[in-house]
Structure formats: structure tokens, C-alpha cells
């Protein structure tokens, strides 16, 4: 089955690239159809920030450098919205054929949208808190196998090193899940921004420059992060982690994921009043079927 999916992925990518050889982390446009316009998602994001709409289950995050007393409902105060599975406009991203045709190469025909985010990386205040530490997304997920999970990450504007593009360590998706924790940064660290505690600093780094509408797809074991936003504007991207609906949940107790399980369970209770008790129950609550049949997730 894995060999068949790899063959399908290669064929799909080569067709998209016109038969050329694809680089490991090269970004290419997926916005060929007129209905796929990141601007539409930005309009809804701005409405959410102004509290004109309040979708059920949505979590608004602000940068740690912004104090509670400074908060007013506007775009500049929100660094990320998570869990937009109940917002029809933003969740439309997760159902776009332009996205799902690539996702299916990794997951097969039964596809769950598991984790949704719209990232609004703010200009750095000088405390370097706009950085995202190097991490592996699988650290947050209690389901396997990892090869049947993929992230779609779409630029909503031009993104480069100046405004904090993605940086990746090519080939690290072939490794294992590493221990994560909060980095010891002087300026503070944003909530749930866990990072890998021990990695090879000699690894090749690739900085992913993207244009508006470009999308990258990557494995949950890929080591990646992003740098500071050194511009005066906000860097926006929308993303979703997809998984095959026949993935299986695992018990993370006694593993390197036990700490993040407690943090996410506690946060879910604080924000939503839900007594989930486990990471599995949190993701069961958040996951949404976008294609095919819901099996075990």
C-alpha cells in the first residue's frame, strides 16, 4: 500500500510540475481555480478578529509579548486562530479539490481534517517571540501511522526570510519523534510552542520562500519552524493537518507526548469547559470528515 501511494504521489507531483524533478521542499502554486483565493479567507479572519462573528469552538491566540491590558478586538492582537472546523468560510479551505487531490496521495480516499490554523505572525517586538521553535507536528498528535498524516500549508501573501518563512530540515521525516519542551528563550515563548530539545545543528536548512497561493505539503515528522518577522506587516498563512480516517489512536501516557497531552487537555477544559481526559478525546472532538468514510479517527 505504501509503495502504491508513493507512486501516486510521484505521478501527481510530476504532472503538476510539468514532468520536472521536484525539490524536497519547493513551493508551487495550487491556486489555479478562481474560487481558491486566499483573500477570501483573510476577509473572514478580519471579521473574526473584530468579533463580528464568533464561530463555535474557535480559539484565538495572541503573542506572548502582548499584555492582557493591551488587548482590543482587532487583527493586530491575534497571532493565530485555531480550531476553525465550525467556521464554514475558513473550513472551506480544508475541502478544496486543489488541496485534497494532493492530500489523497498521502492519506488515501478517506480523509479527516484534524487540525486547522490561520497564522498571523506579528512583527517582532524585539523580544524574538514571533519565532516558532524547531519542532515535529507529530508531537501533538495521538494517532498513527505518521506516513498517513500530512500538513497542507498555504501562503496568503508573499513569504520569505524577512517576514518569517518556514525553515525545514530535509529528510528528517524519515527519522523518529524526538522529545519536545518549551525552549529557554529570554523574551518568552508562546503557548504550546514546544521545540525539539536535541537536534543536529549541522543539518542542512532550507528556507521556503512562497508566493500568495503557494502550498507546501509536509510529513508530521519533518523538523521545521519559522524565524522572526522582521517587517512591519503581518505574515499570514492558512493550514490544515489531514489524516487517513483509518489511522489508529495510541495511548501517549509514559511517552514523550505525555506532557503536551496534559497541557492540551487542560487548555481544552479552560477554553471550552470540556472534560476530555485524554489527547485522543480532544482530537476525536476536533476531527471532521472531508472525503470518503469516517472509520476509526
Protein backbone atom coordinates (compact mmCIF):
# COMPACT_ATOMS: atom_id res chain seq x y z
CA UNK A 1 0.00 0.00 0.00
CA UNK A 2 2.82 2.44 0.90
CA UNK A 3 4.57 1.77 -2.41
CA UNK A 4 1.32 2.39 -4.28
CA UNK A 5 0.77 5.71 -2.52
CA UNK A 6 4.35 6.76 -3.20
CA UNK A 7 3.87 6.01 -6.90
CA UNK A 8 0.63 8.02 -6.94
CA UNK A 9 2.33 10.94 -5.18
CA UNK A 10 5.16 10.97 -7.69
CA UNK A 11 2.82 10.87 -10.68
CA UNK A 12 0.59 13.62 -9.29
CA UNK A 13 3.53 15.88 -8.49
CA UNK A 14 5.26 15.34 -11.81
CA UNK A 15 2.04 16.17 -13.65
CA UNK A 16 1.71 19.34 -11.61
CA UNK A 17 5.32 20.32 -12.28
CA UNK A 18 5.13 19.53 -15.97
CA UNK A 19 7.38 16.49 -15.73
CA UNK A 20 10.30 18.16 -13.97
CA UNK A 21 12.00 16.79 -10.88
CA UNK A 22 10.54 18.23 -7.70
CA UNK A 23 12.79 19.57 -4.97
CA UNK A 24 12.18 18.28 -1.45
CA UNK A 25 10.54 21.48 -0.21
CA UNK A 26 9.85 23.54 -3.32
CA UNK A 27 6.61 25.54 -3.10
CA UNK A 28 4.35 25.62 -6.15
CA UNK A 29 1.00 27.33 -6.80
CA UNK A 30 -2.16 25.32 -6.21
CA UNK A 31 -4.46 28.25 -6.87
CA UNK A 32 -5.30 27.55 -10.49
CA UNK A 33 -9.07 27.79 -9.97
CA UNK A 34 -10.63 31.19 -9.41
CA UNK A 35 -12.55 30.01 -6.34
CA UNK A 36 -9.27 29.35 -4.47
CA UNK A 37 -8.36 32.88 -3.39
CA UNK A 38 -6.60 33.35 -0.03
CA UNK A 39 -8.08 36.86 0.09
CA UNK A 40 -11.48 35.35 0.89
CA UNK A 41 -10.04 33.70 3.99
CA UNK A 42 -8.37 36.95 5.05
CA UNK A 43 -11.69 38.81 4.96
CA UNK A 44 -13.24 36.21 7.28
CA UNK A 45 -10.19 36.31 9.55
CA UNK A 46 -10.56 40.07 9.91
CA UNK A 47 -14.27 39.69 10.74
CA UNK A 48 -13.37 37.17 13.45
CA UNK A 49 -10.72 39.50 14.90
CA UNK A 50 -13.26 42.34 15.09
CA UNK A 51 -15.67 39.93 16.81
CA UNK A 52 -18.27 40.43 14.09
CA UNK A 53 -18.63 36.65 14.01
CA UNK A 54 -17.88 34.15 16.76
CA UNK A 55 -17.67 30.64 15.28
CA UNK A 56 -18.27 27.81 17.73
CA UNK A 57 -15.07 26.22 19.04
CA UNK A 58 -12.69 28.81 17.60
CA UNK A 59 -9.59 29.57 19.68
CA UNK A 60 -7.91 32.98 19.32
CA UNK A 61 -4.24 33.20 20.29
CA UNK A 62 -2.14 36.29 20.92
CA UNK A 63 1.62 36.71 21.01
CA UNK A 64 3.13 36.40 24.48
CA UNK A 65 4.57 39.92 24.12
CA UNK A 66 1.05 41.42 24.10
CA UNK A 67 -0.28 42.04 27.60
CA UNK A 68 -3.90 41.38 28.56
CA UNK A 69 -4.44 45.08 29.26
CA UNK A 70 -3.39 45.94 25.69
CA UNK A 71 -5.92 43.65 24.05
CA UNK A 72 -8.60 45.15 21.82
CA UNK A 73 -10.56 43.16 19.21
CA UNK A 74 -8.58 43.75 16.02
CA UNK A 75 -6.29 41.92 13.60
CA UNK A 76 -3.11 43.23 15.23
CA UNK A 77 -3.90 41.46 18.50
CA UNK A 78 -4.46 37.96 17.10
CA UNK A 79 -1.41 35.89 16.15
CA UNK A 80 -3.34 32.73 15.32
CA UNK A 81 -6.83 31.26 15.10
CA UNK A 82 -7.13 27.53 15.74
CA UNK A 83 -9.95 25.02 15.51
CA UNK A 84 -11.99 26.71 12.79
CA UNK A 85 -13.79 23.48 11.93
CA UNK A 86 -17.16 25.13 12.65
CA UNK A 87 -16.48 28.24 10.56
CA UNK A 88 -17.95 27.49 7.12
CA UNK A 89 -15.84 30.08 5.29
CA UNK A 90 -12.43 29.18 6.73
CA UNK A 91 -13.14 25.44 6.77
CA UNK A 92 -13.81 25.61 3.04
CA UNK A 93 -10.01 25.61 2.70
CA UNK A 94 -9.97 22.03 4.02
CA UNK A 95 -12.39 20.86 1.33
CA UNK A 96 -10.84 22.49 -1.73
CA UNK A 97 -10.28 19.99 -4.57
CA UNK A 98 -6.99 21.78 -5.34
CA UNK A 99 -5.78 20.75 -1.87
CA UNK A 100 -7.43 17.35 -1.47
CA UNK A 101 -6.08 15.90 -4.72
CA UNK A 102 -2.58 16.10 -3.20
CA UNK A 103 -3.66 15.14 0.31
CA UNK A 104 -5.21 11.93 -1.02
CA UNK A 105 -1.78 10.87 -2.30
CA UNK A 106 -0.71 10.59 1.34
CA UNK A 107 -3.89 9.55 3.13
CA UNK A 108 -5.83 7.52 0.61
CA UNK A 109 -9.50 8.22 -0.22
CA UNK A 110 -10.88 8.51 3.34
CA UNK A 111 -9.70 11.86 4.66
CA UNK A 112 -10.11 13.59 8.01
CA UNK A 113 -9.28 17.25 8.64
CA UNK A 114 -7.76 17.08 12.13
CA UNK A 115 -6.11 20.40 12.98
CA UNK A 116 -6.90 23.80 11.47
CA UNK A 117 -4.96 27.05 11.82
CA UNK A 118 -4.74 30.51 10.30
CA UNK A 119 -1.43 32.04 11.35
CA UNK A 120 -0.98 35.80 11.57
CA UNK A 121 2.69 36.10 12.52
CA UNK A 122 3.10 39.59 14.03
CA UNK A 123 6.01 41.98 13.57
CA UNK A 124 8.58 41.05 16.19
CA UNK A 125 8.71 43.45 19.14
CA UNK A 126 12.42 42.86 19.66
CA UNK A 127 11.88 40.03 22.14
CA UNK A 128 12.07 37.41 19.34
CA UNK A 129 8.72 35.93 20.42
CA UNK A 130 7.47 35.77 16.82
CA UNK A 131 9.81 32.82 16.25
CA UNK A 132 8.44 29.29 16.19
CA UNK A 133 10.96 26.77 17.56
CA UNK A 134 12.05 23.79 15.52
CA UNK A 135 9.55 21.00 16.10
CA UNK A 136 7.75 17.98 14.65
CA UNK A 137 3.98 18.19 14.34
CA UNK A 138 3.53 14.55 15.35
CA UNK A 139 4.41 15.65 18.90
CA UNK A 140 0.83 16.97 19.18
CA UNK A 141 -0.98 14.01 17.59
CA UNK A 142 -2.01 10.74 19.31
CA UNK A 143 -2.73 8.86 16.09
CA UNK A 144 -0.63 6.76 13.75
CA UNK A 145 0.83 5.79 11.32
CA UNK A 146 2.69 9.01 10.67
CA UNK A 147 3.01 8.24 6.95
CA UNK A 148 -0.77 8.66 6.61
CA UNK A 149 -0.75 12.21 8.01
CA UNK A 150 0.10 15.34 6.01
CA UNK A 151 0.00 19.09 6.52
CA UNK A 152 -1.15 21.49 3.79
CA UNK A 153 0.26 24.98 4.45
CA UNK A 154 -0.78 27.80 2.09
CA UNK A 155 0.75 31.27 1.90
CA UNK A 156 -1.81 34.08 1.97
CA UNK A 157 0.82 36.58 0.79
CA UNK A 158 4.48 36.66 -0.24
CA UNK A 159 6.57 34.93 2.44
CA UNK A 160 10.36 34.97 2.76
CA UNK A 161 13.03 35.14 5.45
CA UNK A 162 12.25 38.78 6.19
CA UNK A 163 8.74 38.06 7.46
CA UNK A 164 9.48 34.64 8.93
CA UNK A 165 9.13 31.90 6.32
CA UNK A 166 9.17 28.21 7.12
CA UNK A 167 12.58 26.62 7.60
CA UNK A 168 12.86 22.84 7.23
CA UNK A 169 15.44 20.09 7.67
CA UNK A 170 15.00 17.97 4.52
CA UNK A 171 14.97 14.21 5.08
CA UNK A 172 14.15 14.35 8.78
CA UNK A 173 10.69 12.91 8.07
CA UNK A 174 12.47 9.55 7.83
CA UNK A 175 13.51 9.75 11.47
CA UNK A 176 11.66 9.25 14.75
CA UNK A 177 9.70 11.52 17.07
CA UNK A 178 12.07 13.44 19.33
CA UNK A 179 11.43 14.80 22.86
CA UNK A 180 9.96 18.32 22.90
CA UNK A 181 9.57 21.02 25.55
CA UNK A 182 9.45 24.79 25.83
CA UNK A 183 12.73 26.39 24.71
CA UNK A 184 14.56 28.53 27.25
CA UNK A 185 14.20 31.87 25.47
CA UNK A 186 14.79 35.10 27.35
CA UNK A 187 11.94 37.01 25.69
CA UNK A 188 9.31 34.39 26.45
CA UNK A 189 7.66 31.61 24.44
CA UNK A 190 4.14 31.41 23.07
CA UNK A 191 1.64 28.92 24.45
CA UNK A 192 2.17 25.36 23.18
CA UNK A 193 5.25 26.38 21.15
CA UNK A 194 7.21 23.28 22.15
CA UNK A 195 10.54 22.70 20.45
CA UNK A 196 12.95 19.82 19.94
CA UNK A 197 15.45 19.75 22.79
CA UNK A 198 18.24 17.97 20.94
CA UNK A 199 18.86 18.11 17.20
CA UNK A 200 21.84 18.09 14.87
CA UNK A 201 22.71 21.75 14.29
CA UNK A 202 24.74 20.72 11.26
CA UNK A 203 21.60 19.59 9.42
CA UNK A 204 21.00 21.29 6.09
CA UNK A 205 18.38 24.03 6.43
CA UNK A 206 16.09 25.10 3.61
CA UNK A 207 14.16 28.38 3.83
CA UNK A 208 10.87 28.11 1.96
CA UNK A 209 10.10 31.27 0.01
CA UNK A 210 6.47 31.30 -1.15
CA UNK A 211 4.15 33.46 -3.20
CA UNK A 212 0.49 34.12 -2.42
CA UNK A 213 -1.46 30.92 -3.09
CA UNK A 214 1.59 28.61 -2.98
CA UNK A 215 1.13 25.48 -0.89
CA UNK A 216 3.62 23.10 0.70
CA UNK A 217 2.68 19.61 1.88
CA UNK A 218 4.85 18.00 4.55
CA UNK A 219 5.16 14.96 6.79
CA UNK A 220 4.44 15.25 10.56
CA UNK A 221 7.97 14.08 11.44
CA UNK A 222 9.66 16.76 9.33
CA UNK A 223 11.67 19.09 11.58
CA UNK A 224 10.61 22.65 10.83
CA UNK A 225 10.00 26.04 12.39
CA UNK A 226 10.00 29.70 11.42
CA UNK A 227 12.07 32.76 12.19
CA UNK A 228 11.24 36.25 13.40
CA UNK A 229 9.03 38.57 11.42
CA UNK A 230 11.42 41.48 10.84
CA UNK A 231 8.93 43.51 8.78
CA UNK A 232 6.20 45.89 9.89
CA UNK A 233 3.45 43.76 8.35
CA UNK A 234 1.72 40.57 9.46
CA UNK A 235 2.66 37.29 7.76
CA UNK A 236 -0.41 35.18 7.05
CA UNK A 237 -0.82 31.51 6.16
CA UNK A 238 -3.68 29.03 6.43
CA UNK A 239 -3.14 25.33 7.10
CA UNK A 240 -4.74 22.02 7.92
CA UNK A 241 -3.37 18.69 9.08
CA UNK A 242 -5.10 15.82 7.35
CA UNK A 243 -5.05 12.13 8.25
CA UNK A 244 -6.38 8.90 6.81
CA UNK A 245 -9.62 8.14 8.63
CA UNK A 246 -8.40 4.60 9.36
CA UNK A 247 -5.47 5.85 11.44
CA UNK A 248 -5.48 4.44 14.97
CA UNK A 249 -5.28 6.30 18.26
CA UNK A 250 -2.46 5.45 20.67
CA UNK A 251 -2.08 5.97 24.41
CA UNK A 252 0.65 8.59 24.92
CA UNK A 253 1.00 8.09 28.67
CA UNK A 254 4.56 7.18 29.56
CA UNK A 255 5.88 8.67 26.31
CA UNK A 256 7.48 11.99 25.35
CA UNK A 257 3.96 13.23 24.46
CA UNK A 258 2.55 12.89 27.97
CA UNK A 259 3.36 16.50 28.92
CA UNK A 260 1.69 18.00 25.84
CA UNK A 261 -1.34 15.76 26.44
CA UNK A 262 -1.85 17.30 29.89
CA UNK A 263 -1.35 20.81 28.52
CA UNK A 264 -3.86 20.35 25.68
CA UNK A 265 -6.42 18.61 27.92
CA UNK A 266 -6.14 21.42 30.50
CA UNK A 267 -6.39 24.09 27.79
CA UNK A 268 -9.47 22.43 26.29
CA UNK A 269 -11.12 22.48 29.70
CA UNK A 270 -10.17 26.13 30.26
CA UNK A 271 -11.40 27.37 26.86
CA UNK A 272 -14.41 25.12 26.29
CA UNK A 273 -15.31 23.64 29.66
CA UNK A 274 -14.88 20.14 28.24
CA UNK A 275 -13.64 17.29 30.44
CA UNK A 276 -11.92 15.29 27.70
CA UNK A 277 -9.47 13.40 29.91
CA UNK A 278 -7.15 12.41 27.07
CA UNK A 279 -5.50 13.66 23.91
CA UNK A 280 -7.50 11.06 21.96
CA UNK A 281 -10.81 12.58 23.05
CA UNK A 282 -9.65 16.10 22.12
CA UNK A 283 -8.81 15.07 18.57
CA UNK A 284 -11.95 12.97 18.22
CA UNK A 285 -13.91 16.11 19.08
CA UNK A 286 -11.99 18.32 16.62
CA UNK A 287 -11.68 15.99 13.63
CA UNK A 288 -14.01 16.38 10.63
CA UNK A 289 -14.51 14.08 7.65
CA UNK A 290 -13.82 15.89 4.36
CA UNK A 291 -13.82 12.98 1.92
CA UNK A 292 -14.82 9.31 1.88
CA UNK A 293 -15.81 7.38 5.01
CA UNK A 294 -15.01 8.01 8.67
CA UNK A 295 -13.53 4.79 10.02
CA UNK A 296 -11.55 4.97 13.28
CA UNK A 297 -10.50 8.59 13.88
